[in-house]
Amino acid sequence: MKSILIREIKSFFGSPIGYLVIAIFLLLNGLFLWVFEGDFNILKSGFADLSPFFTIAPWILIFLIPAVTMRSFSDEKKQGTIELLMTKPLSIWQIVNGKFLGAFLLIVIAIIPTFIYVYVISTLGLPEGNIDMGSTLGSYFGLLFLIAGYTAIGIFTSTLSENQIIAFITSVFLCFVFYFGFEGIATFIKSFEDIIASIGMDYHFKSMGRGVIDSRDVIYFVSITILFLSLTVYKLKSLKS
């Protein structure tokens, strides 16, 4: 698995992909949070918190993570190297986990520079340091689980076609459904609104953002991640047989 992980990281940073992903994520967040007028502008909000960042980041990642993961297995299939990959002395689970961790770590690296936002807002607060660190850390923790879920979905959809565009669109669709779709459906079914909404990622992400890490939220995200990684393994086994 380590060899696959290292290969993935090298492929990301051996080409413009890794740098482009980090730059796009930071640029979009920076523009929405500090430059553009609107609901996401922190300076105009009058509150010393990062809630605008944690509102917009999941939507940017819905497009950014599929762009990173779309090549994971679809490119291997297109180039005909998927069979060679399968002959390596690694289990399919190790191959999948290596691909998953490579993409996951790239997005985490893109998230790390945003910690400077915490420092800036803490400095600008009145009085200085007036920021809810519990809520902020809980939201960052939730963002890591959200990234894991998105990445697992993206890795799975990359096995469905050798066409990277199809993998990208399918991944964006599934990430959207799991993040916002169930909450949208819940508004039309009032009698089961809470139950249906709780199936979505947004429900659990917001729960973590309150600053209290509930084991139910952690179990939910871990289950989603394992589910899609298991589907990836199943799909690859079907290609192997």
C-alpha atoms as a PDB file:
ATOM      1  CA  MET A   1       0.000   0.000   0.000  1.00  0.00           C
ATOM      2  CA  LYS A   2       2.872   2.358   0.821  1.00  0.00           C
ATOM      3  CA  SER A   3       4.261   2.021  -2.700  1.00  0.00           C
ATOM      4  CA  ILE A   4       0.881   2.928  -4.220  1.00  0.00           C
ATOM      5  CA  LEU A   5       0.528   5.891  -1.858  1.00  0.00           C
ATOM      6  CA  ILE A   6       4.004   7.216  -2.702  1.00  0.00           C
ATOM      7  CA  ARG A   7       3.327   6.738  -6.416  1.00  0.00           C
ATOM      8  CA  GLU A   8       0.083   8.701  -6.158  1.00  0.00           C
ATOM      9  CA  ILE A   9       1.701  11.563  -4.241  1.00  0.00           C
ATOM     10  CA  LYS A  10       4.567  11.701  -6.739  1.00  0.00           C
ATOM     11  CA  SER A  11       2.122  11.739  -9.661  1.00  0.00           C
ATOM     12  CA  PHE A  12       0.202  14.628  -8.095  1.00  0.00           C
ATOM     13  CA  PHE A  13       3.265  16.753  -7.401  1.00  0.00           C
ATOM     14  CA  GLY A  14       5.274  15.526 -10.391  1.00  0.00           C
ATOM     15  CA  SER A  15       2.743  17.312 -12.589  1.00  0.00           C
ATOM     16  CA  PRO A  16       0.780  20.582 -12.211  1.00  0.00           C
ATOM     17  CA  ILE A  17      -2.230  18.689 -10.771  1.00  0.00           C
ATOM     18  CA  GLY A  18      -1.256  18.858  -7.096  1.00  0.00           C
ATOM     19  CA  TYR A  19      -0.201  22.490  -7.181  1.00  0.00           C
ATOM     20  CA  LEU A  20      -3.250  23.458  -9.265  1.00  0.00           C
ATOM     21  CA  VAL A  21      -5.688  21.798  -6.851  1.00  0.00           C
ATOM     22  CA  ILE A  22      -4.145  23.542  -3.831  1.00  0.00           C
ATOM     23  CA  ALA A  23      -4.018  26.903  -5.642  1.00  0.00           C
ATOM     24  CA  ILE A  24      -7.622  26.695  -6.880  1.00  0.00           C
ATOM     25  CA  PHE A  25      -8.973  25.729  -3.458  1.00  0.00           C
ATOM     26  CA  LEU A  26      -7.124  28.523  -1.663  1.00  0.00           C
ATOM     27  CA  LEU A  27      -7.883  31.087  -4.379  1.00  0.00           C
ATOM     28  CA  LEU A  28     -11.628  30.389  -4.482  1.00  0.00           C
ATOM     29  CA  ASN A  29     -11.936  30.425  -0.706  1.00  0.00           C
ATOM     30  CA  GLY A  30      -9.832  33.556  -0.448  1.00  0.00           C
ATOM     31  CA  LEU A  31     -11.914  35.419  -3.015  1.00  0.00           C
ATOM     32  CA  PHE A  32     -15.262  34.457  -1.501  1.00  0.00           C
ATOM     33  CA  LEU A  33     -14.190  35.032   2.099  1.00  0.00           C
ATOM     34  CA  TRP A  34     -12.123  38.205   1.824  1.00  0.00           C
ATOM     35  CA  VAL A  35     -12.694  39.903  -1.546  1.00  0.00           C
ATOM     36  CA  PHE A  36     -16.129  39.329  -3.093  1.00  0.00           C
ATOM     37  CA  GLU A  37     -19.097  41.151  -1.641  1.00  0.00           C
ATOM     38  CA  GLY A  38     -21.783  38.785  -0.377  1.00  0.00           C
ATOM     39  CA  ASP A  39     -22.941  36.503   2.414  1.00  0.00           C
ATOM     40  CA  PHE A  40     -19.582  34.705   2.608  1.00  0.00           C
ATOM     41  CA  ASN A  41     -17.426  37.791   3.148  1.00  0.00           C
ATOM     42  CA  ILE A  42     -16.009  37.488   6.672  1.00  0.00           C
ATOM     43  CA  LEU A  43     -14.993  41.149   6.931  1.00  0.00           C
ATOM     44  CA  LYS A  44     -18.556  42.257   6.150  1.00  0.00           C
ATOM     45  CA  SER A  45     -20.267  39.726   8.424  1.00  0.00           C
ATOM     46  CA  GLY A  46     -19.351  41.476  11.650  1.00  0.00           C
ATOM     47  CA  PHE A  47     -18.709  38.167  13.441  1.00  0.00           C
ATOM     48  CA  ALA A  48     -15.342  36.704  14.411  1.00  0.00           C
ATOM     49  CA  ASP A  49     -15.953  33.163  13.229  1.00  0.00           C
ATOM     50  CA  LEU A  50     -15.139  30.917  10.295  1.00  0.00           C
ATOM     51  CA  SER A  51     -18.683  29.735   9.578  1.00  0.00           C
ATOM     52  CA  PRO A  52     -18.615  31.241   6.026  1.00  0.00           C
ATOM     53  CA  PHE A  53     -15.537  29.124   5.238  1.00  0.00           C
ATOM     54  CA  PHE A  54     -17.156  25.941   6.524  1.00  0.00           C
ATOM     55  CA  THR A  55     -20.284  26.767   4.518  1.00  0.00           C
ATOM     56  CA  ILE A  56     -18.543  27.269   1.194  1.00  0.00           C
ATOM     57  CA  ALA A  57     -15.676  24.734   1.477  1.00  0.00           C
ATOM     58  CA  PRO A  58     -17.892  21.612   1.101  1.00  0.00           C
ATOM     59  CA  TRP A  59     -19.355  23.046  -2.129  1.00  0.00           C
ATOM     60  CA  ILE A  60     -15.934  23.810  -3.601  1.00  0.00           C
ATOM     61  CA  LEU A  61     -14.725  20.329  -2.613  1.00  0.00           C
ATOM     62  CA  ILE A  62     -17.734  18.748  -4.350  1.00  0.00           C
ATOM     63  CA  PHE A  63     -16.061  19.729  -7.637  1.00  0.00           C
ATOM     64  CA  LEU A  64     -12.413  19.726  -6.605  1.00  0.00           C
ATOM     65  CA  ILE A  65     -12.175  16.228  -5.117  1.00  0.00           C
ATOM     66  CA  PRO A  66     -13.826  14.494  -8.122  1.00  0.00           C
ATOM     67  CA  ALA A  67     -11.327  16.368 -10.324  1.00  0.00           C
ATOM     68  CA  VAL A  68      -8.522  14.781  -8.288  1.00  0.00           C
ATOM     69  CA  THR A  69      -9.956  11.257  -8.041  1.00  0.00           C
ATOM     70  CA  MET A  70     -11.415  10.900 -11.562  1.00  0.00           C
ATOM     71  CA  ARG A  71      -8.106   9.585 -12.905  1.00  0.00           C
ATOM     72  CA  SER A  72      -7.431   7.098 -10.087  1.00  0.00           C
ATOM     73  CA  PHE A  73      -8.614   3.943 -11.860  1.00  0.00           C
ATOM     74  CA  SER A  74     -10.182   5.294 -15.070  1.00  0.00           C
ATOM     75  CA  ASP A  75      -6.725   6.331 -16.297  1.00  0.00           C
ATOM     76  CA  GLU A  76      -5.340   2.882 -15.391  1.00  0.00           C
ATOM     77  CA  LYS A  77      -8.153   1.276 -17.411  1.00  0.00           C
ATOM     78  CA  LYS A  78      -7.674   3.603 -20.391  1.00  0.00           C
ATOM     79  CA  GLN A  79      -3.923   3.011 -20.550  1.00  0.00           C
ATOM     80  CA  GLY A  80      -4.333  -0.721 -19.994  1.00  0.00           C
ATOM     81  CA  THR A  81      -2.204  -0.727 -16.846  1.00  0.00           C
ATOM     82  CA  ILE A  82      -5.020  -1.915 -14.560  1.00  0.00           C
ATOM     83  CA  GLU A  83      -4.054  -5.550 -15.228  1.00  0.00           C
ATOM     84  CA  LEU A  84      -0.407  -4.794 -14.397  1.00  0.00           C
ATOM     85  CA  LEU A  85      -1.516  -3.081 -11.194  1.00  0.00           C
ATOM     86  CA  MET A  86      -3.505  -6.165 -10.207  1.00  0.00           C
ATOM     87  CA  THR A  87      -0.448  -8.413 -10.612  1.00  0.00           C
ATOM     88  CA  LYS A  88       1.501  -6.516  -7.970  1.00  0.00           C
ATOM     89  CA  PRO A  89       2.075  -8.396  -4.672  1.00  0.00           C
ATOM     90  CA  LEU A  90      -0.648  -6.332  -3.030  1.00  0.00           C
ATOM     91  CA  SER A  91      -4.229  -7.097  -2.135  1.00  0.00           C
ATOM     92  CA  ILE A  92      -6.980  -5.129  -3.878  1.00  0.00           C
ATOM     93  CA  TRP A  93      -7.764  -3.475  -0.557  1.00  0.00           C
ATOM     94  CA  GLN A  94      -4.156  -2.256  -0.289  1.00  0.00           C
ATOM     95  CA  ILE A  95      -4.287  -0.848  -3.824  1.00  0.00           C
ATOM     96  CA  VAL A  96      -7.582   0.935  -3.153  1.00  0.00           C
ATOM     97  CA  ASN A  97      -6.395   2.291   0.205  1.00  0.00           C
ATOM     98  CA  GLY A  98      -3.172   3.548  -1.400  1.00  0.00           C
ATOM     99  CA  LYS A  99      -5.138   5.430  -4.071  1.00  0.00           C
ATOM    100  CA  PHE A 100      -7.576   6.732  -1.471  1.00  0.00           C
ATOM    101  CA  LEU A 101      -4.904   7.977   0.948  1.00  0.00           C
ATOM    102  CA  GLY A 102      -2.963   9.647  -1.863  1.00  0.00           C
ATOM    103  CA  ALA A 103      -5.958  11.750  -2.922  1.00  0.00           C
ATOM    104  CA  PHE A 104      -7.019  12.344   0.695  1.00  0.00           C
ATOM    105  CA  LEU A 105      -3.594  13.650   1.720  1.00  0.00           C
ATOM    106  CA  LEU A 106      -3.480  16.020  -1.255  1.00  0.00           C
ATOM    107  CA  ILE A 107      -6.747  17.667  -0.189  1.00  0.00           C
ATOM    108  CA  VAL A 108      -5.622  17.788   3.456  1.00  0.00           C
ATOM    109  CA  ILE A 109      -2.472  19.628   2.328  1.00  0.00           C
ATOM    110  CA  ALA A 110      -4.754  22.129   0.576  1.00  0.00           C
ATOM    111  CA  ILE A 111      -6.700  22.617   3.821  1.00  0.00           C
ATOM    112  CA  ILE A 112      -3.677  23.246   6.068  1.00  0.00           C
ATOM    113  CA  PRO A 113      -2.930  26.835   4.863  1.00  0.00           C
ATOM    114  CA  THR A 114      -6.480  27.865   5.843  1.00  0.00           C
ATOM    115  CA  PHE A 115      -5.418  27.701   9.505  1.00  0.00           C
ATOM    116  CA  ILE A 116      -4.078  31.187   8.924  1.00  0.00           C
ATOM    117  CA  TYR A 117      -7.728  32.292   8.736  1.00  0.00           C
ATOM    118  CA  VAL A 118      -8.114  31.280  12.378  1.00  0.00           C
ATOM    119  CA  TYR A 119      -5.177  33.471  13.375  1.00  0.00           C
ATOM    120  CA  VAL A 120      -6.396  36.448  11.308  1.00  0.00           C
ATOM    121  CA  ILE A 121      -9.960  36.299  12.665  1.00  0.00           C
ATOM    122  CA  SER A 122      -8.671  35.837  16.223  1.00  0.00           C
ATOM    123  CA  THR A 123      -6.504  38.947  15.774  1.00  0.00           C
ATOM    124  CA  LEU A 124      -9.324  41.001  14.267  1.00  0.00           C
ATOM    125  CA  GLY A 125     -11.833  40.015  16.949  1.00  0.00           C
ATOM    126  CA  LEU A 126     -12.975  42.432  19.628  1.00  0.00           C
ATOM    127  CA  PRO A 127     -11.573  41.715  22.103  1.00  0.00           C
ATOM    128  CA  GLU A 128      -8.568  40.047  20.451  1.00  0.00           C
ATOM    129  CA  GLY A 129      -8.843  36.264  20.582  1.00  0.00           C
ATOM    130  CA  ASN A 130     -12.637  36.386  20.576  1.00  0.00           C
ATOM    131  CA  ILE A 131     -13.237  33.282  18.471  1.00  0.00           C
ATOM    132  CA  ASP A 132     -15.101  30.090  19.294  1.00  0.00           C
ATOM    133  CA  MET A 133     -12.243  27.591  19.057  1.00  0.00           C
ATOM    134  CA  GLY A 134     -14.467  24.645  20.015  1.00  0.00           C
ATOM    135  CA  SER A 135     -16.774  25.214  17.055  1.00  0.00           C
ATOM    136  CA  THR A 136     -13.837  25.961  14.731  1.00  0.00           C
ATOM    137  CA  LEU A 137     -11.881  22.820  15.640  1.00  0.00           C
ATOM    138  CA  GLY A 138     -15.059  20.721  15.468  1.00  0.00           C
ATOM    139  CA  SER A 139     -15.747  22.061  11.960  1.00  0.00           C
ATOM    140  CA  TYR A 140     -12.189  21.294  10.833  1.00  0.00           C
ATOM    141  CA  PHE A 141     -12.544  17.797  12.272  1.00  0.00           C
ATOM    142  CA  GLY A 142     -15.836  17.390  10.412  1.00  0.00           C
ATOM    143  CA  LEU A 143     -14.224  18.698   7.220  1.00  0.00           C
ATOM    144  CA  LEU A 144     -11.622  15.921   7.389  1.00  0.00           C
ATOM    145  CA  PHE A 145     -14.374  13.299   7.577  1.00  0.00           C
ATOM    146  CA  LEU A 146     -16.257  15.032   4.754  1.00  0.00           C
ATOM    147  CA  ILE A 147     -13.117  14.951   2.594  1.00  0.00           C
ATOM    148  CA  ALA A 148     -12.731  11.233   3.342  1.00  0.00           C
ATOM    149  CA  GLY A 149     -16.332  10.593   2.260  1.00  0.00           C
ATOM    150  CA  TYR A 150     -16.009  12.616  -0.949  1.00  0.00           C
ATOM    151  CA  THR A 151     -12.688  10.946  -1.769  1.00  0.00           C
ATOM    152  CA  ALA A 152     -14.096   7.437  -1.285  1.00  0.00           C
ATOM    153  CA  ILE A 153     -16.999   8.298  -3.602  1.00  0.00           C
ATOM    154  CA  GLY A 154     -14.577   9.702  -6.190  1.00  0.00           C
ATOM    155  CA  ILE A 155     -12.333   6.625  -6.040  1.00  0.00           C
ATOM    156  CA  PHE A 156     -15.373   4.386  -6.577  1.00  0.00           C
ATOM    157  CA  THR A 157     -16.724   6.315  -9.576  1.00  0.00           C
ATOM    158  CA  SER A 158     -13.291   6.195 -11.207  1.00  0.00           C
ATOM    159  CA  THR A 159     -13.741   2.418 -11.548  1.00  0.00           C
ATOM    160  CA  LEU A 160     -17.016   2.764 -13.470  1.00  0.00           C
ATOM    161  CA  SER A 161     -15.575   4.040 -16.737  1.00  0.00           C
ATOM    162  CA  GLU A 162     -12.271   4.625 -18.476  1.00  0.00           C
ATOM    163  CA  ASN A 163     -13.607   8.055 -19.426  1.00  0.00           C
ATOM    164  CA  GLN A 164     -12.425  10.543 -16.790  1.00  0.00           C
ATOM    165  CA  ILE A 165     -15.188  13.044 -17.622  1.00  0.00           C
ATOM    166  CA  ILE A 166     -17.859  10.427 -16.897  1.00  0.00           C
ATOM    167  CA  ALA A 167     -16.101   9.545 -13.639  1.00  0.00           C
ATOM    168  CA  PHE A 168     -15.962  13.245 -12.709  1.00  0.00           C
ATOM    169  CA  ILE A 169     -19.638  13.953 -13.444  1.00  0.00           C
ATOM    170  CA  THR A 170     -20.795  10.792 -11.648  1.00  0.00           C
ATOM    171  CA  SER A 171     -18.684  11.651  -8.619  1.00  0.00           C
ATOM    172  CA  VAL A 172     -19.982  15.244  -8.471  1.00  0.00           C
ATOM    173  CA  PHE A 173     -23.544  13.937  -8.680  1.00  0.00           C
ATOM    174  CA  LEU A 174     -23.102  11.369  -5.891  1.00  0.00           C
ATOM    175  CA  CYS A 175     -21.240  13.835  -3.646  1.00  0.00           C
ATOM    176  CA  PHE A 176     -24.057  16.357  -4.174  1.00  0.00           C
ATOM    177  CA  VAL A 177     -26.724  13.772  -3.376  1.00  0.00           C
ATOM    178  CA  PHE A 178     -24.999  12.635  -0.197  1.00  0.00           C
ATOM    179  CA  TYR A 179     -24.167  16.148   0.945  1.00  0.00           C
ATOM    180  CA  PHE A 180     -27.349  18.068   0.138  1.00  0.00           C
ATOM    181  CA  GLY A 181     -29.728  15.731  -1.682  1.00  0.00           C
ATOM    182  CA  PHE A 182     -31.226  13.991   1.352  1.00  0.00           C
ATOM    183  CA  GLU A 183     -31.798  17.300   3.109  1.00  0.00           C
ATOM    184  CA  GLY A 184     -33.621  18.531   0.014  1.00  0.00           C
ATOM    185  CA  ILE A 185     -35.766  15.395  -0.146  1.00  0.00           C
ATOM    186  CA  ALA A 186     -36.544  15.705   3.578  1.00  0.00           C
ATOM    187  CA  THR A 187     -38.274  19.060   3.023  1.00  0.00           C
ATOM    188  CA  PHE A 188     -40.923  17.289   0.927  1.00  0.00           C
ATOM    189  CA  ILE A 189     -41.524  14.458   3.410  1.00  0.00           C
ATOM    190  CA  LYS A 190     -42.277  16.214   6.671  1.00  0.00           C
ATOM    191  CA  SER A 191     -43.266  13.084   8.597  1.00  0.00           C
ATOM    192  CA  PHE A 192     -39.764  11.580   8.180  1.00  0.00           C
ATOM    193  CA  GLU A 193     -37.847  14.828   7.773  1.00  0.00           C
ATOM    194  CA  ASP A 194     -35.276  14.250  10.531  1.00  0.00           C
ATOM    195  CA  ILE A 195     -34.653  10.622   9.586  1.00  0.00           C
ATOM    196  CA  ILE A 196     -34.105  11.375   5.886  1.00  0.00           C
ATOM    197  CA  ALA A 197     -31.981  14.459   6.599  1.00  0.00           C
ATOM    198  CA  SER A 198     -29.748  12.402   8.911  1.00  0.00           C
ATOM    199  CA  ILE A 199     -28.748  10.219   5.943  1.00  0.00           C
ATOM    200  CA  GLY A 200     -26.992  13.210   4.384  1.00  0.00           C
ATOM    201  CA  MET A 201     -23.462  14.394   5.089  1.00  0.00           C
ATOM    202  CA  ASP A 202     -24.519  17.997   5.674  1.00  0.00           C
ATOM    203  CA  TYR A 203     -26.556  16.985   8.744  1.00  0.00           C
ATOM    204  CA  HIS A 204     -23.556  15.331  10.431  1.00  0.00           C
ATOM    205  CA  PHE A 205     -21.057  17.952   9.254  1.00  0.00           C
ATOM    206  CA  LYS A 206     -23.134  20.713  10.836  1.00  0.00           C
ATOM    207  CA  SER A 207     -23.474  18.631  13.997  1.00  0.00           C
ATOM    208  CA  MET A 208     -19.675  18.459  14.331  1.00  0.00           C
ATOM    209  CA  GLY A 209     -19.508  22.197  13.651  1.00  0.00           C
ATOM    210  CA  ARG A 210     -21.280  22.843  16.942  1.00  0.00           C
ATOM    211  CA  GLY A 211     -18.059  21.876  18.700  1.00  0.00           C
ATOM    212  CA  VAL A 212     -19.250  18.587  20.168  1.00  0.00           C
ATOM    213  CA  ILE A 213     -17.919  15.437  18.494  1.00  0.00           C
ATOM    214  CA  ASP A 214     -20.747  12.904  18.634  1.00  0.00           C
ATOM    215  CA  SER A 215     -19.788   9.268  18.039  1.00  0.00           C
ATOM    216  CA  ARG A 216     -22.847   8.935  15.776  1.00  0.00           C
ATOM    217  CA  ASP A 217     -21.407  11.534  13.391  1.00  0.00           C
ATOM    218  CA  VAL A 218     -18.011   9.830  13.352  1.00  0.00           C
ATOM    219  CA  ILE A 219     -19.595   6.405  12.746  1.00  0.00           C
ATOM    220  CA  TYR A 220     -21.688   7.866   9.916  1.00  0.00           C
ATOM    221  CA  PHE A 221     -18.700   9.271   8.012  1.00  0.00           C
ATOM    222  CA  VAL A 222     -16.561   6.190   8.632  1.00  0.00           C
ATOM    223  CA  SER A 223     -19.432   4.009   7.373  1.00  0.00           C
ATOM    224  CA  ILE A 224     -19.854   6.092   4.186  1.00  0.00           C
ATOM    225  CA  THR A 225     -16.119   5.937   3.516  1.00  0.00           C
ATOM    226  CA  ILE A 226     -15.892   2.186   4.096  1.00  0.00           C
ATOM    227  CA  LEU A 227     -19.044   1.586   2.015  1.00  0.00           C
ATOM    228  CA  PHE A 228     -17.659   3.262  -1.097  1.00  0.00           C
ATOM    229  CA  LEU A 229     -14.192   1.790  -0.663  1.00  0.00           C
ATOM    230  CA  SER A 230     -15.842  -1.647  -0.366  1.00  0.00           C
ATOM    231  CA  LEU A 231     -17.806  -0.962  -3.566  1.00  0.00           C
ATOM    232  CA  THR A 232     -14.520  -0.016  -5.234  1.00  0.00           C
ATOM    233  CA  VAL A 233     -12.924  -3.292  -4.169  1.00  0.00           C
ATOM    234  CA  TYR A 234     -15.992  -5.232  -5.369  1.00  0.00           C
ATOM    235  CA  LYS A 235     -15.868  -3.496  -8.746  1.00  0.00           C
ATOM    236  CA  LEU A 236     -12.166  -4.182  -9.171  1.00  0.00           C
ATOM    237  CA  LYS A 237     -12.651  -7.837  -8.255  1.00  0.00           C
ATOM    238  CA  SER A 238     -15.316  -8.100 -10.950  1.00  0.00           C
ATOM    239  CA  LEU A 239     -12.850  -6.668 -13.475  1.00  0.00           C
ATOM    240  CA  LYS A 240     -10.203  -9.134 -12.342  1.00  0.00           C
ATOM    241  CA  SER A 241     -12.459 -12.182 -12.687  1.00  0.00           C
END
